[in-house]
C-alpha atoms as a PDB file:
ATOM      1  CA  MET A   1     169.907 166.729 142.269  1.00  0.00           C
ATOM      2  CA  THR A   2     166.316 167.571 143.036  1.00  0.00           C
ATOM      3  CA  LEU A   3     163.493 165.228 142.587  1.00  0.00           C
ATOM      4  CA  THR A   4     160.290 166.702 141.307  1.00  0.00           C
ATOM      5  CA  LEU A   5     156.967 165.036 140.960  1.00  0.00           C
ATOM      6  CA  THR A   6     155.607 165.376 137.509  1.00  0.00           C
ATOM      7  CA  THR A   7     151.987 165.022 136.749  1.00  0.00           C
ATOM      8  CA  PRO A   8     150.159 165.521 133.542  1.00  0.00           C
ATOM      9  CA  ALA A   9     149.450 169.072 134.707  1.00  0.00           C
ATOM     10  CA  THR A  10     153.149 169.843 135.252  1.00  0.00           C
ATOM     11  CA  ALA A  11     154.138 168.052 132.115  1.00  0.00           C
ATOM     12  CA  THR A  12     151.936 170.370 130.158  1.00  0.00           C
ATOM     13  CA  GLY A  13     153.530 173.350 131.754  1.00  0.00           C
ATOM     14  CA  SER A  14     151.027 174.340 134.437  1.00  0.00           C
ATOM     15  CA  ALA A  15     151.947 174.806 138.096  1.00  0.00           C
ATOM     16  CA  GLY A  16     152.819 171.864 140.458  1.00  0.00           C
ATOM     17  CA  ILE A  17     150.366 170.004 142.690  1.00  0.00           C
ATOM     18  CA  ASP A  18     148.550 172.243 145.100  1.00  0.00           C
ATOM     19  CA  TRP A  19     148.958 170.144 148.249  1.00  0.00           C
ATOM     20  CA  TRP A  20     146.738 172.429 150.278  1.00  0.00           C
ATOM     21  CA  SER A  21     143.851 171.733 147.925  1.00  0.00           C
ATOM     22  CA  VAL A  22     144.501 167.999 148.054  1.00  0.00           C
ATOM     23  CA  LEU A  23     144.529 168.157 151.857  1.00  0.00           C
ATOM     24  CA  THR A  24     141.341 170.194 152.103  1.00  0.00           C
ATOM     25  CA  ASP A  25     139.525 168.329 149.310  1.00  0.00           C
ATOM     26  CA  ALA A  26     140.444 164.747 150.268  1.00  0.00           C
ATOM     27  CA  GLY A  27     142.307 164.667 153.580  1.00  0.00           C
ATOM     28  CA  ILE A  28     139.801 166.452 155.780  1.00  0.00           C
ATOM     29  CA  PRO A  29     136.797 164.409 154.563  1.00  0.00           C
ATOM     30  CA  ALA A  30     138.817 161.198 155.012  1.00  0.00           C
ATOM     31  CA  LEU A  31     139.786 162.245 158.535  1.00  0.00           C
ATOM     32  CA  ALA A  32     136.148 163.062 159.296  1.00  0.00           C
ATOM     33  CA  LEU A  33     135.109 159.593 158.117  1.00  0.00           C
ATOM     34  CA  LEU A  34     137.759 157.927 160.268  1.00  0.00           C
ATOM     35  CA  LEU A  35     136.811 160.000 163.298  1.00  0.00           C
ATOM     36  CA  SER A  36     133.090 159.306 162.913  1.00  0.00           C
ATOM     37  CA  ALA A  37     133.820 155.579 162.462  1.00  0.00           C
ATOM     38  CA  ALA A  38     135.920 155.571 165.654  1.00  0.00           C
ATOM     39  CA  VAL A  39     133.134 157.332 167.562  1.00  0.00           C
ATOM     40  CA  ALA A  40     130.541 154.869 166.222  1.00  0.00           C
ATOM     41  CA  ILE A  41     132.698 151.892 167.206  1.00  0.00           C
ATOM     42  CA  GLY A  42     133.196 153.334 170.698  1.00  0.00           C
ATOM     43  CA  LEU A  43     129.473 153.933 171.144  1.00  0.00           C
ATOM     44  CA  ALA A  44     128.665 150.421 169.917  1.00  0.00           C
ATOM     45  CA  ARG A  45     131.111 148.903 172.403  1.00  0.00           C
ATOM     46  CA  ARG A  46     129.665 150.932 175.243  1.00  0.00           C
ATOM     47  CA  GLU A  47     126.133 149.941 174.232  1.00  0.00           C
ATOM     48  CA  ARG A  48     127.119 146.268 174.036  1.00  0.00           C
ATOM     49  CA  ARG A  49     128.655 146.402 177.521  1.00  0.00           C
ATOM     50  CA  ALA A  50     125.535 148.086 178.881  1.00  0.00           C
ATOM     51  CA  ALA A  51     123.346 145.414 177.268  1.00  0.00           C
ATOM     52  CA  ASP A  52     125.563 142.645 178.707  1.00  0.00           C
ATOM     53  CA  ARG A  53     125.314 144.225 182.168  1.00  0.00           C
ATOM     54  CA  SER A  54     121.546 144.566 181.798  1.00  0.00           C
ATOM     55  CA  ARG A  55     121.183 140.877 180.836  1.00  0.00           C
ATOM     56  CA  LEU A  56     123.352 139.864 183.791  1.00  0.00           C
ATOM     57  CA  LEU A  57     121.230 141.929 186.188  1.00  0.00           C
ATOM     58  CA  GLU A  58     118.030 140.437 184.756  1.00  0.00           C
ATOM     59  CA  ARG A  59     119.434 136.930 185.201  1.00  0.00           C
ATOM     60  CA  ARG A  60     120.511 137.724 188.757  1.00  0.00           C
ATOM     61  CA  ASP A  61     117.120 139.226 189.570  1.00  0.00           C
ATOM     62  CA  ARG A  62     115.330 136.098 188.298  1.00  0.00           C
ATOM     63  CA  MET A  63     117.562 133.973 190.548  1.00  0.00           C
ATOM     64  CA  LEU A  64     116.960 136.238 193.518  1.00  0.00           C
ATOM     65  CA  GLU A  65     113.197 136.086 192.952  1.00  0.00           C
ATOM     66  CA  GLY A  66     113.408 132.301 193.114  1.00  0.00           C
ATOM     67  CA  ILE A  67     115.490 132.458 196.281  1.00  0.00           C
ATOM     68  CA  LEU A  68     113.049 134.905 197.880  1.00  0.00           C
ATOM     69  CA  SER A  69     110.142 132.662 196.916  1.00  0.00           C
ATOM     70  CA  GLU A  70     111.759 129.624 198.542  1.00  0.00           C
ATOM     71  CA  LEU A  71     112.623 131.619 201.670  1.00  0.00           C
ATOM     72  CA  ALA A  72     109.019 132.842 201.856  1.00  0.00           C
ATOM     73  CA  PHE A  73     107.905 129.216 201.750  1.00  0.00           C
ATOM     74  CA  PHE A  74     110.053 128.455 204.806  1.00  0.00           C
ATOM     75  CA  ALA A  75     108.757 131.519 206.609  1.00  0.00           C
ATOM     76  CA  THR A  76     105.306 129.917 206.621  1.00  0.00           C
ATOM     77  CA  VAL A  77     105.884 126.178 206.128  1.00  0.00           C
ATOM     78  CA  ASN A  78     103.825 123.600 207.985  1.00  0.00           C
ATOM     79  CA  PRO A  79     105.878 120.398 207.571  1.00  0.00           C
ATOM     80  CA  GLU A  80     102.956 118.240 208.613  1.00  0.00           C
ATOM     81  CA  ALA A  81     100.886 119.469 205.671  1.00  0.00           C
ATOM     82  CA  GLU A  82     103.512 120.394 203.073  1.00  0.00           C
ATOM     83  CA  PRO A  83     106.538 118.578 201.690  1.00  0.00           C
ATOM     84  CA  TRP A  84     109.606 120.735 202.295  1.00  0.00           C
ATOM     85  CA  ALA A  85     112.752 118.764 201.378  1.00  0.00           C
ATOM     86  CA  ASP A  86     112.535 119.646 197.675  1.00  0.00           C
ATOM     87  CA  HIS A  87     112.235 123.320 198.580  1.00  0.00           C
ATOM     88  CA  PHE A  88     115.550 123.219 200.445  1.00  0.00           C
ATOM     89  CA  ARG A  89     117.163 121.460 197.490  1.00  0.00           C
ATOM     90  CA  VAL A  90     115.893 124.139 195.092  1.00  0.00           C
ATOM     91  CA  LEU A  91     116.990 126.908 197.457  1.00  0.00           C
ATOM     92  CA  ARG A  92     120.522 125.516 197.757  1.00  0.00           C
ATOM     93  CA  ALA A  93     120.758 125.022 193.986  1.00  0.00           C
ATOM     94  CA  GLN A  94     119.716 128.609 193.310  1.00  0.00           C
ATOM     95  CA  VAL A  95     122.276 129.865 195.826  1.00  0.00           C
ATOM     96  CA  VAL A  96     125.008 127.877 194.068  1.00  0.00           C
ATOM     97  CA  LEU A  97     123.932 129.355 190.729  1.00  0.00           C
ATOM     98  CA  LEU A  98     124.024 132.865 192.202  1.00  0.00           C
ATOM     99  CA  GLN A  99     127.651 132.276 193.171  1.00  0.00           C
ATOM    100  CA  THR A 100     128.516 131.454 189.555  1.00  0.00           C
ATOM    101  CA  LEU A 101     127.445 134.857 188.246  1.00  0.00           C
ATOM    102  CA  PRO A 102     130.247 137.325 187.531  1.00  0.00           C
ATOM    103  CA  GLY A 103     130.865 140.019 190.105  1.00  0.00           C
ATOM    104  CA  ALA A 104     132.186 140.123 193.638  1.00  0.00           C
ATOM    105  CA  SER A 105     128.809 141.291 194.939  1.00  0.00           C
ATOM    106  CA  ASN A 106     127.024 138.184 193.622  1.00  0.00           C
ATOM    107  CA  LEU A 107     129.714 135.970 195.134  1.00  0.00           C
ATOM    108  CA  ALA A 108     129.414 137.691 198.523  1.00  0.00           C
ATOM    109  CA  ALA A 109     125.628 137.286 198.505  1.00  0.00           C
ATOM    110  CA  GLY A 110     125.902 133.672 197.375  1.00  0.00           C
ATOM    111  CA  ARG A 111     128.398 132.734 200.084  1.00  0.00           C
ATOM    112  CA  TRP A 112     126.322 134.447 202.760  1.00  0.00           C
ATOM    113  CA  LEU A 113     123.158 132.691 201.542  1.00  0.00           C
ATOM    114  CA  ALA A 114     124.987 129.336 201.489  1.00  0.00           C
ATOM    115  CA  ALA A 115     125.911 129.849 205.151  1.00  0.00           C
ATOM    116  CA  GLU A 116     122.316 130.877 205.891  1.00  0.00           C
ATOM    117  CA  CYS A 117     121.052 127.713 204.164  1.00  0.00           C
ATOM    118  CA  GLN A 118     123.253 125.586 206.429  1.00  0.00           C
ATOM    119  CA  LEU A 119     121.754 127.318 209.444  1.00  0.00           C
ATOM    120  CA  GLY A 120     118.228 126.885 208.063  1.00  0.00           C
ATOM    121  CA  THR A 121     118.808 123.198 207.362  1.00  0.00           C
ATOM    122  CA  SER A 122     120.045 122.695 210.921  1.00  0.00           C
ATOM    123  CA  GLN A 123     117.058 124.536 212.361  1.00  0.00           C
ATOM    124  CA  MET A 124     114.667 122.520 210.220  1.00  0.00           C
ATOM    125  CA  ALA A 125     116.278 119.264 211.377  1.00  0.00           C
ATOM    126  CA  ILE A 126     115.986 120.321 215.031  1.00  0.00           C
ATOM    127  CA  ALA A 127     112.346 121.313 214.484  1.00  0.00           C
ATOM    128  CA  MET A 128     111.531 117.953 212.925  1.00  0.00           C
ATOM    129  CA  GLN A 129     113.295 116.053 215.750  1.00  0.00           C
ATOM    130  CA  THR A 130     111.348 118.110 218.280  1.00  0.00           C
ATOM    131  CA  ALA A 131     108.087 117.357 216.477  1.00  0.00           C
ATOM    132  CA  ASP A 132     108.849 113.631 216.435  1.00  0.00           C
ATOM    133  CA  GLN A 133     109.341 113.643 220.211  1.00  0.00           C
ATOM    134  CA  LEU A 134     106.032 115.381 220.955  1.00  0.00           C
ATOM    135  CA  PRO A 135     102.754 113.541 221.372  1.00  0.00           C
ATOM    136  CA  ALA A 136     100.360 114.149 218.486  1.00  0.00           C
ATOM    137  CA  SER A 137      98.035 116.193 220.693  1.00  0.00           C
ATOM    138  CA  MET A 138     100.827 118.686 221.475  1.00  0.00           C
ATOM    139  CA  ARG A 139     102.341 119.014 218.002  1.00  0.00           C
ATOM    140  CA  ASP A 140     101.821 122.599 217.010  1.00  0.00           C
ATOM    141  CA  PRO A 141     103.903 123.547 213.947  1.00  0.00           C
ATOM    142  CA  LEU A 142     103.792 127.214 214.905  1.00  0.00           C
ATOM    143  CA  VAL A 143     105.635 126.348 218.098  1.00  0.00           C
ATOM    144  CA  TYR A 144     108.237 123.832 216.958  1.00  0.00           C
ATOM    145  CA  MET A 145     108.847 125.652 213.634  1.00  0.00           C
ATOM    146  CA  GLU A 146     109.255 129.091 215.234  1.00  0.00           C
ATOM    147  CA  ASP A 147     113.066 129.229 214.848  1.00  0.00           C
ATOM    148  CA  THR A 148     112.883 128.094 211.225  1.00  0.00           C
ATOM    149  CA  HIS A 149     110.165 130.642 210.446  1.00  0.00           C
ATOM    150  CA  ARG A 150     112.207 133.436 212.057  1.00  0.00           C
ATOM    151  CA  TRP A 151     115.342 132.353 210.205  1.00  0.00           C
ATOM    152  CA  ALA A 152     113.509 132.480 206.871  1.00  0.00           C
ATOM    153  CA  GLN A 153     111.909 135.845 207.636  1.00  0.00           C
ATOM    154  CA  ARG A 154     115.210 137.399 208.743  1.00  0.00           C
ATOM    155  CA  THR A 155     117.076 136.015 205.735  1.00  0.00           C
ATOM    156  CA  THR A 156     114.348 137.212 203.368  1.00  0.00           C
ATOM    157  CA  LEU A 157     114.438 140.707 204.819  1.00  0.00           C
ATOM    158  CA  ASP A 158     118.243 140.846 204.743  1.00  0.00           C
ATOM    159  CA  LEU A 159     118.313 139.690 201.122  1.00  0.00           C
ATOM    160  CA  ALA A 160     115.732 142.330 200.205  1.00  0.00           C
ATOM    161  CA  LYS A 161     117.872 144.973 201.952  1.00  0.00           C
ATOM    162  CA  TRP A 162     120.911 143.849 199.954  1.00  0.00           C
ATOM    163  CA  MET A 163     118.909 144.011 196.726  1.00  0.00           C
ATOM    164  CA  ARG A 164     117.941 147.624 197.571  1.00  0.00           C
ATOM    165  CA  ASN A 165     121.588 148.414 198.405  1.00  0.00           C
ATOM    166  CA  ASP A 166     120.665 149.022 202.042  1.00  0.00           C
ATOM    167  CA  LEU A 167     123.022 146.217 203.066  1.00  0.00           C
ATOM    168  CA  ARG A 168     126.616 146.279 201.838  1.00  0.00           C
ATOM    169  CA  ASP A 169     128.707 143.374 200.607  1.00  0.00           C
ATOM    170  CA  GLU A 170     131.032 143.854 203.593  1.00  0.00           C
ATOM    171  CA  ASP A 171     128.054 143.294 205.908  1.00  0.00           C
ATOM    172  CA  LEU A 172     127.238 140.041 204.102  1.00  0.00           C
ATOM    173  CA  ARG A 173     130.850 138.881 204.354  1.00  0.00           C
ATOM    174  CA  ALA A 174     130.869 139.603 208.090  1.00  0.00           C
ATOM    175  CA  ARG A 175     127.590 137.695 208.562  1.00  0.00           C
ATOM    176  CA  GLU A 176     128.933 134.790 206.519  1.00  0.00           C
ATOM    177  CA  LYS A 177     132.020 134.590 208.769  1.00  0.00           C
ATOM    178  CA  THR A 178     129.837 134.642 211.884  1.00  0.00           C
ATOM    179  CA  LEU A 179     127.554 131.919 210.530  1.00  0.00           C
ATOM    180  CA  THR A 180     130.514 129.798 209.453  1.00  0.00           C
ATOM    181  CA  LYS A 181     132.000 130.009 212.972  1.00  0.00           C
ATOM    182  CA  LEU A 182     128.634 129.022 214.491  1.00  0.00           C
ATOM    183  CA  SER A 183     128.309 125.968 212.258  1.00  0.00           C
ATOM    184  CA  ARG A 184     131.688 124.511 213.252  1.00  0.00           C
END
């Protein structure tokens, strides 16, 4: 027994359904619509990812600008004329926030900067103890703050190198390990 599809056209005696015509008239346009929709969805996803990455980089750059600004302060600070404790607090907070950003590179930079901040805090404490022991006539901030100023300048330059991709994440990790060993 054969099963045949009857349509009004076949019931009236004309030929059966021309499947080739159905395929070319309806199937190909439908396939074209599906393909163009898939391409559009793919492009939209790629664009969304690029926009997300761009926003992340902008956020990171704003944080790094703040960190650079605080480091620049310590490269020139005169603790007898300027309050400095709040600047260290802000610097450490920005470093912690940098570590929260997605990406291994941000984490490496954040950990290295955290180790650098420990070193800077220690150098600032030593500088202030030295200043307290000097008579007022011999207290020259350029002298007793020299190590702190150099630390801030070196850290600023290294961070700028990392931002330009002249310093690799592996280099930061190695420096962090060295600084961590020194602080123990």
